[in-house]
Amino acid sequence: MTETIRIEKSKEKGTGEYVASVIVNAIMLLVINLYAVWRPWTKGVITQDWPQVLWAANLAGAVQVVGGMVLVASRPRWLARLGELVFSVVSLISAAVLYSVFPFDFGRIGAEWMNTVTRVLLMIGLFGGSIAVVVNLVKLFSGPGPRRTVLHT
C-alpha cells in the first residue's frame, strides 16, 4: 500500500491582487476627494452632506492603500490575515457612515425609488461586511498552515 500526501493550498491573495487593490484605491481616493469638481455634474444627487462621509471613505481607502503596499512587500500568512481583518473592519465602518449620513437624493432627478434601493444595497453590504469581519477574525486565529490529506492507495 502506498501513501500519497496531498497538500491543499489556501486561496490567499497574490501580489497582483494587492497591487491592483492599491492602484484602484489610490484612484478612488483621488476621485472622492475631488467632489467639488464633479459634484455639480450629479444634478444634486450627491448632497451637501458628502463631506460628512469623506473621513470614513478616506480612512478605508488609505488603510487599503498602505496595507496593500505592506502586503506587496512582505506577506507572511499572519500579516495577510491581519490585514484582511483590518481592511474589512474599516470598510464596514465606511459603509456604516455612508448609510447613516446617506448623502444622496435621487429625488432630484425624479428617481425617489433609488433612495430606497440604495439604502437596501447598503444594508446588504453592511450585512456582508459584518460576515467578512467574522470570517477574517476566524481566519486570523485559525490553524497555521495548509491542510494535509493522506490518501491510501
C-alpha atoms as a PDB file:
ATOM      1  CA  MET A   1       0.000   0.000   0.000  1.00  0.00           C
ATOM      2  CA  THR A   2       1.359   3.411  -0.899  1.00  0.00           C
ATOM      3  CA  GLU A   3       0.518   6.683   0.709  1.00  0.00           C
ATOM      4  CA  THR A   4       0.048   9.887  -1.179  1.00  0.00           C
ATOM      5  CA  ILE A   5       0.138  13.134   0.723  1.00  0.00           C
ATOM      6  CA  ARG A   6      -1.686  15.986  -0.901  1.00  0.00           C
ATOM      7  CA  ILE A   7      -1.272  19.494   0.447  1.00  0.00           C
ATOM      8  CA  GLU A   8      -4.168  21.803  -0.270  1.00  0.00           C
ATOM      9  CA  LYS A   9      -3.104  25.381  -0.775  1.00  0.00           C
ATOM     10  CA  SER A  10      -5.270  28.054   0.739  1.00  0.00           C
ATOM     11  CA  LYS A  11      -6.675  30.709  -1.526  1.00  0.00           C
ATOM     12  CA  GLU A  12      -4.713  33.643  -0.128  1.00  0.00           C
ATOM     13  CA  LYS A  13      -4.445  36.771  -2.266  1.00  0.00           C
ATOM     14  CA  GLY A  14      -1.421  37.082  -4.511  1.00  0.00           C
ATOM     15  CA  THR A  15       0.871  40.046  -5.096  1.00  0.00           C
ATOM     16  CA  GLY A  16      -1.005  41.078  -8.238  1.00  0.00           C
ATOM     17  CA  GLU A  17      -4.283  41.330  -6.368  1.00  0.00           C
ATOM     18  CA  TYR A  18      -2.737  43.598  -3.750  1.00  0.00           C
ATOM     19  CA  VAL A  19      -1.074  45.773  -6.426  1.00  0.00           C
ATOM     20  CA  ALA A  20      -4.423  46.127  -8.232  1.00  0.00           C
ATOM     21  CA  SER A  21      -6.124  46.996  -4.936  1.00  0.00           C
ATOM     22  CA  VAL A  22      -3.529  49.683  -4.185  1.00  0.00           C
ATOM     23  CA  ILE A  23      -3.976  51.250  -7.639  1.00  0.00           C
ATOM     24  CA  VAL A  24      -7.785  51.166  -7.594  1.00  0.00           C
ATOM     25  CA  ASN A  25      -7.996  52.541  -4.043  1.00  0.00           C
ATOM     26  CA  ALA A  26      -5.489  55.317  -4.789  1.00  0.00           C
ATOM     27  CA  ILE A  27      -7.585  56.373  -7.796  1.00  0.00           C
ATOM     28  CA  MET A  28     -10.780  56.217  -5.720  1.00  0.00           C
ATOM     29  CA  LEU A  29      -9.181  58.394  -3.011  1.00  0.00           C
ATOM     30  CA  LEU A  30      -8.337  60.982  -5.636  1.00  0.00           C
ATOM     31  CA  VAL A  31     -11.819  60.919  -7.171  1.00  0.00           C
ATOM     32  CA  ILE A  32     -13.823  61.098  -3.930  1.00  0.00           C
ATOM     33  CA  ASN A  33     -11.717  63.992  -2.665  1.00  0.00           C
ATOM     34  CA  LEU A  34     -12.264  65.996  -5.856  1.00  0.00           C
ATOM     35  CA  TYR A  35     -16.014  66.086  -5.141  1.00  0.00           C
ATOM     36  CA  ALA A  36     -16.068  69.879  -5.561  1.00  0.00           C
ATOM     37  CA  VAL A  37     -15.156  69.310  -9.212  1.00  0.00           C
ATOM     38  CA  TRP A  38     -17.609  66.511 -10.039  1.00  0.00           C
ATOM     39  CA  ARG A  39     -20.477  67.245  -7.617  1.00  0.00           C
ATOM     40  CA  PRO A  40     -22.175  69.819  -9.913  1.00  0.00           C
ATOM     41  CA  TRP A  41     -22.454  67.133 -12.602  1.00  0.00           C
ATOM     42  CA  THR A  42     -24.558  64.990 -10.269  1.00  0.00           C
ATOM     43  CA  LYS A  43     -27.526  67.394 -10.548  1.00  0.00           C
ATOM     44  CA  GLY A  44     -27.843  67.428  -6.746  1.00  0.00           C
ATOM     45  CA  VAL A  45     -27.978  63.641  -6.330  1.00  0.00           C
ATOM     46  CA  ILE A  46     -24.821  63.943  -4.232  1.00  0.00           C
ATOM     47  CA  THR A  47     -25.907  66.295  -1.461  1.00  0.00           C
ATOM     48  CA  GLN A  48     -24.082  68.859   0.649  1.00  0.00           C
ATOM     49  CA  ASP A  49     -23.654  66.072   3.245  1.00  0.00           C
ATOM     50  CA  TRP A  50     -20.917  64.371   1.164  1.00  0.00           C
ATOM     51  CA  PRO A  51     -18.061  65.878   3.246  1.00  0.00           C
ATOM     52  CA  GLN A  52     -19.536  64.186   6.345  1.00  0.00           C
ATOM     53  CA  VAL A  53     -18.749  60.750   4.875  1.00  0.00           C
ATOM     54  CA  LEU A  54     -15.417  61.724   3.402  1.00  0.00           C
ATOM     55  CA  TRP A  55     -13.414  60.981   6.560  1.00  0.00           C
ATOM     56  CA  ALA A  56     -14.670  57.382   6.653  1.00  0.00           C
ATOM     57  CA  ALA A  57     -14.130  56.842   2.941  1.00  0.00           C
ATOM     58  CA  ASN A  58     -10.632  58.321   3.221  1.00  0.00           C
ATOM     59  CA  LEU A  59      -9.875  56.094   6.196  1.00  0.00           C
ATOM     60  CA  ALA A  60     -10.943  52.968   4.335  1.00  0.00           C
ATOM     61  CA  GLY A  61      -9.098  53.962   1.173  1.00  0.00           C
ATOM     62  CA  ALA A  62      -5.903  54.970   2.961  1.00  0.00           C
ATOM     63  CA  VAL A  63      -5.837  51.773   5.013  1.00  0.00           C
ATOM     64  CA  GLN A  64      -6.330  49.733   1.836  1.00  0.00           C
ATOM     65  CA  VAL A  65      -3.524  51.578   0.021  1.00  0.00           C
ATOM     66  CA  VAL A  66      -0.988  51.477   2.864  1.00  0.00           C
ATOM     67  CA  GLY A  67      -1.913  47.957   3.922  1.00  0.00           C
ATOM     68  CA  GLY A  68      -1.799  46.761   0.338  1.00  0.00           C
ATOM     69  CA  MET A  69       1.689  48.210  -0.136  1.00  0.00           C
ATOM     70  CA  VAL A  70       2.872  46.488   3.039  1.00  0.00           C
ATOM     71  CA  LEU A  71       1.420  43.189   1.845  1.00  0.00           C
ATOM     72  CA  VAL A  72       3.047  43.577  -1.576  1.00  0.00           C
ATOM     73  CA  ALA A  73       6.431  43.948   0.135  1.00  0.00           C
ATOM     74  CA  SER A  74       6.016  41.206   2.743  1.00  0.00           C
ATOM     75  CA  ARG A  75       3.212  38.748   3.195  1.00  0.00           C
ATOM     76  CA  PRO A  76       3.602  36.241   5.999  1.00  0.00           C
ATOM     77  CA  ARG A  77       0.304  34.450   6.493  1.00  0.00           C
ATOM     78  CA  TRP A  78      -0.443  36.076   9.871  1.00  0.00           C
ATOM     79  CA  LEU A  79       0.151  39.586   8.446  1.00  0.00           C
ATOM     80  CA  ALA A  80      -2.011  38.946   5.393  1.00  0.00           C
ATOM     81  CA  ARG A  81      -4.838  37.660   7.592  1.00  0.00           C
ATOM     82  CA  LEU A  82      -4.495  40.588   9.993  1.00  0.00           C
ATOM     83  CA  GLY A  83      -4.510  42.953   7.013  1.00  0.00           C
ATOM     84  CA  GLU A  84      -7.672  41.398   5.600  1.00  0.00           C
ATOM     85  CA  LEU A  85      -9.349  41.749   9.009  1.00  0.00           C
ATOM     86  CA  VAL A  86      -8.373  45.422   9.263  1.00  0.00           C
ATOM     87  CA  PHE A  87      -9.495  46.030   5.662  1.00  0.00           C
ATOM     88  CA  SER A  88     -12.905  44.506   6.362  1.00  0.00           C
ATOM     89  CA  VAL A  89     -13.359  46.468   9.621  1.00  0.00           C
ATOM     90  CA  VAL A  90     -12.558  49.879   8.096  1.00  0.00           C
ATOM     91  CA  SER A  91     -14.707  49.100   5.055  1.00  0.00           C
ATOM     92  CA  LEU A  92     -17.586  48.210   7.378  1.00  0.00           C
ATOM     93  CA  ILE A  93     -17.111  51.490   9.256  1.00  0.00           C
ATOM     94  CA  SER A  94     -17.098  53.416   5.985  1.00  0.00           C
ATOM     95  CA  ALA A  95     -20.270  51.699   4.783  1.00  0.00           C
ATOM     96  CA  ALA A  96     -21.990  52.348   8.134  1.00  0.00           C
ATOM     97  CA  VAL A  97     -21.153  56.060   7.949  1.00  0.00           C
ATOM     98  CA  LEU A  98     -22.336  56.200   4.334  1.00  0.00           C
ATOM     99  CA  TYR A  99     -25.615  54.533   5.367  1.00  0.00           C
ATOM    100  CA  SER A 100     -26.174  56.765   8.401  1.00  0.00           C
ATOM    101  CA  VAL A 101     -25.375  60.063   6.636  1.00  0.00           C
ATOM    102  CA  PHE A 102     -26.789  58.974   3.254  1.00  0.00           C
ATOM    103  CA  PRO A 103     -25.514  61.885   1.142  1.00  0.00           C
ATOM    104  CA  PHE A 104     -27.752  61.037  -1.804  1.00  0.00           C
ATOM    105  CA  ASP A 105     -31.059  62.420  -3.048  1.00  0.00           C
ATOM    106  CA  PHE A 106     -32.213  60.654  -6.183  1.00  0.00           C
ATOM    107  CA  GLY A 107     -35.489  62.575  -5.965  1.00  0.00           C
ATOM    108  CA  ARG A 108     -33.599  65.473  -7.559  1.00  0.00           C
ATOM    109  CA  ILE A 109     -33.632  63.548 -10.841  1.00  0.00           C
ATOM    110  CA  GLY A 110     -37.111  62.083 -10.415  1.00  0.00           C
ATOM    111  CA  ALA A 111     -35.933  58.702  -9.150  1.00  0.00           C
ATOM    112  CA  GLU A 112     -37.007  58.777  -5.494  1.00  0.00           C
ATOM    113  CA  TRP A 113     -37.248  54.968  -5.553  1.00  0.00           C
ATOM    114  CA  MET A 114     -33.455  54.840  -5.996  1.00  0.00           C
ATOM    115  CA  ASN A 115     -33.065  56.192  -2.446  1.00  0.00           C
ATOM    116  CA  THR A 116     -34.745  53.050  -1.162  1.00  0.00           C
ATOM    117  CA  VAL A 117     -32.798  50.762  -3.500  1.00  0.00           C
ATOM    118  CA  THR A 118     -29.511  52.382  -2.477  1.00  0.00           C
ATOM    119  CA  ARG A 119     -30.335  52.058   1.234  1.00  0.00           C
ATOM    120  CA  VAL A 120     -31.248  48.382   0.776  1.00  0.00           C
ATOM    121  CA  LEU A 121     -27.996  47.749  -1.125  1.00  0.00           C
ATOM    122  CA  LEU A 122     -26.052  49.489   1.637  1.00  0.00           C
ATOM    123  CA  MET A 123     -27.806  47.301   4.245  1.00  0.00           C
ATOM    124  CA  ILE A 124     -26.880  44.195   2.256  1.00  0.00           C
ATOM    125  CA  GLY A 125     -23.307  45.497   2.101  1.00  0.00           C
ATOM    126  CA  LEU A 126     -23.296  46.073   5.855  1.00  0.00           C
ATOM    127  CA  PHE A 127     -24.539  42.537   6.432  1.00  0.00           C
ATOM    128  CA  GLY A 128     -21.916  41.106   4.072  1.00  0.00           C
ATOM    129  CA  GLY A 129     -19.230  43.289   5.620  1.00  0.00           C
ATOM    130  CA  SER A 130     -20.164  42.019   9.070  1.00  0.00           C
ATOM    131  CA  ILE A 131     -19.795  38.459   7.847  1.00  0.00           C
ATOM    132  CA  ALA A 132     -16.420  39.349   6.311  1.00  0.00           C
ATOM    133  CA  VAL A 133     -15.209  40.699   9.663  1.00  0.00           C
ATOM    134  CA  VAL A 134     -16.204  37.478  11.423  1.00  0.00           C
ATOM    135  CA  VAL A 135     -14.675  35.278   8.702  1.00  0.00           C
ATOM    136  CA  ASN A 136     -11.426  37.238   8.731  1.00  0.00           C
ATOM    137  CA  LEU A 137     -11.303  37.106  12.523  1.00  0.00           C
ATOM    138  CA  VAL A 138     -11.712  33.325  12.430  1.00  0.00           C
ATOM    139  CA  LYS A 139      -9.068  33.032   9.692  1.00  0.00           C
ATOM    140  CA  LEU A 140      -6.647  35.132  11.728  1.00  0.00           C
ATOM    141  CA  PHE A 141      -6.891  32.796  14.705  1.00  0.00           C
ATOM    142  CA  SER A 142      -7.246  29.528  12.794  1.00  0.00           C
ATOM    143  CA  GLY A 143      -4.533  26.969  12.139  1.00  0.00           C
ATOM    144  CA  PRO A 144      -1.153  27.984  10.837  1.00  0.00           C
ATOM    145  CA  GLY A 145      -0.841  26.186   7.551  1.00  0.00           C
ATOM    146  CA  PRO A 146      -2.329  24.286   4.676  1.00  0.00           C
ATOM    147  CA  ARG A 147      -4.367  21.200   5.361  1.00  0.00           C
ATOM    148  CA  ARG A 148      -2.755  17.854   4.618  1.00  0.00           C
ATOM    149  CA  THR A 149      -4.753  14.955   3.361  1.00  0.00           C
ATOM    150  CA  VAL A 150      -3.298  11.439   3.405  1.00  0.00           C
ATOM    151  CA  LEU A 151      -4.657   9.196   0.694  1.00  0.00           C
ATOM    152  CA  HIS A 152      -4.108   5.446   0.972  1.00  0.00           C
ATOM    153  CA  THR A 153      -3.925   3.647  -2.335  1.00  0.00           C
END
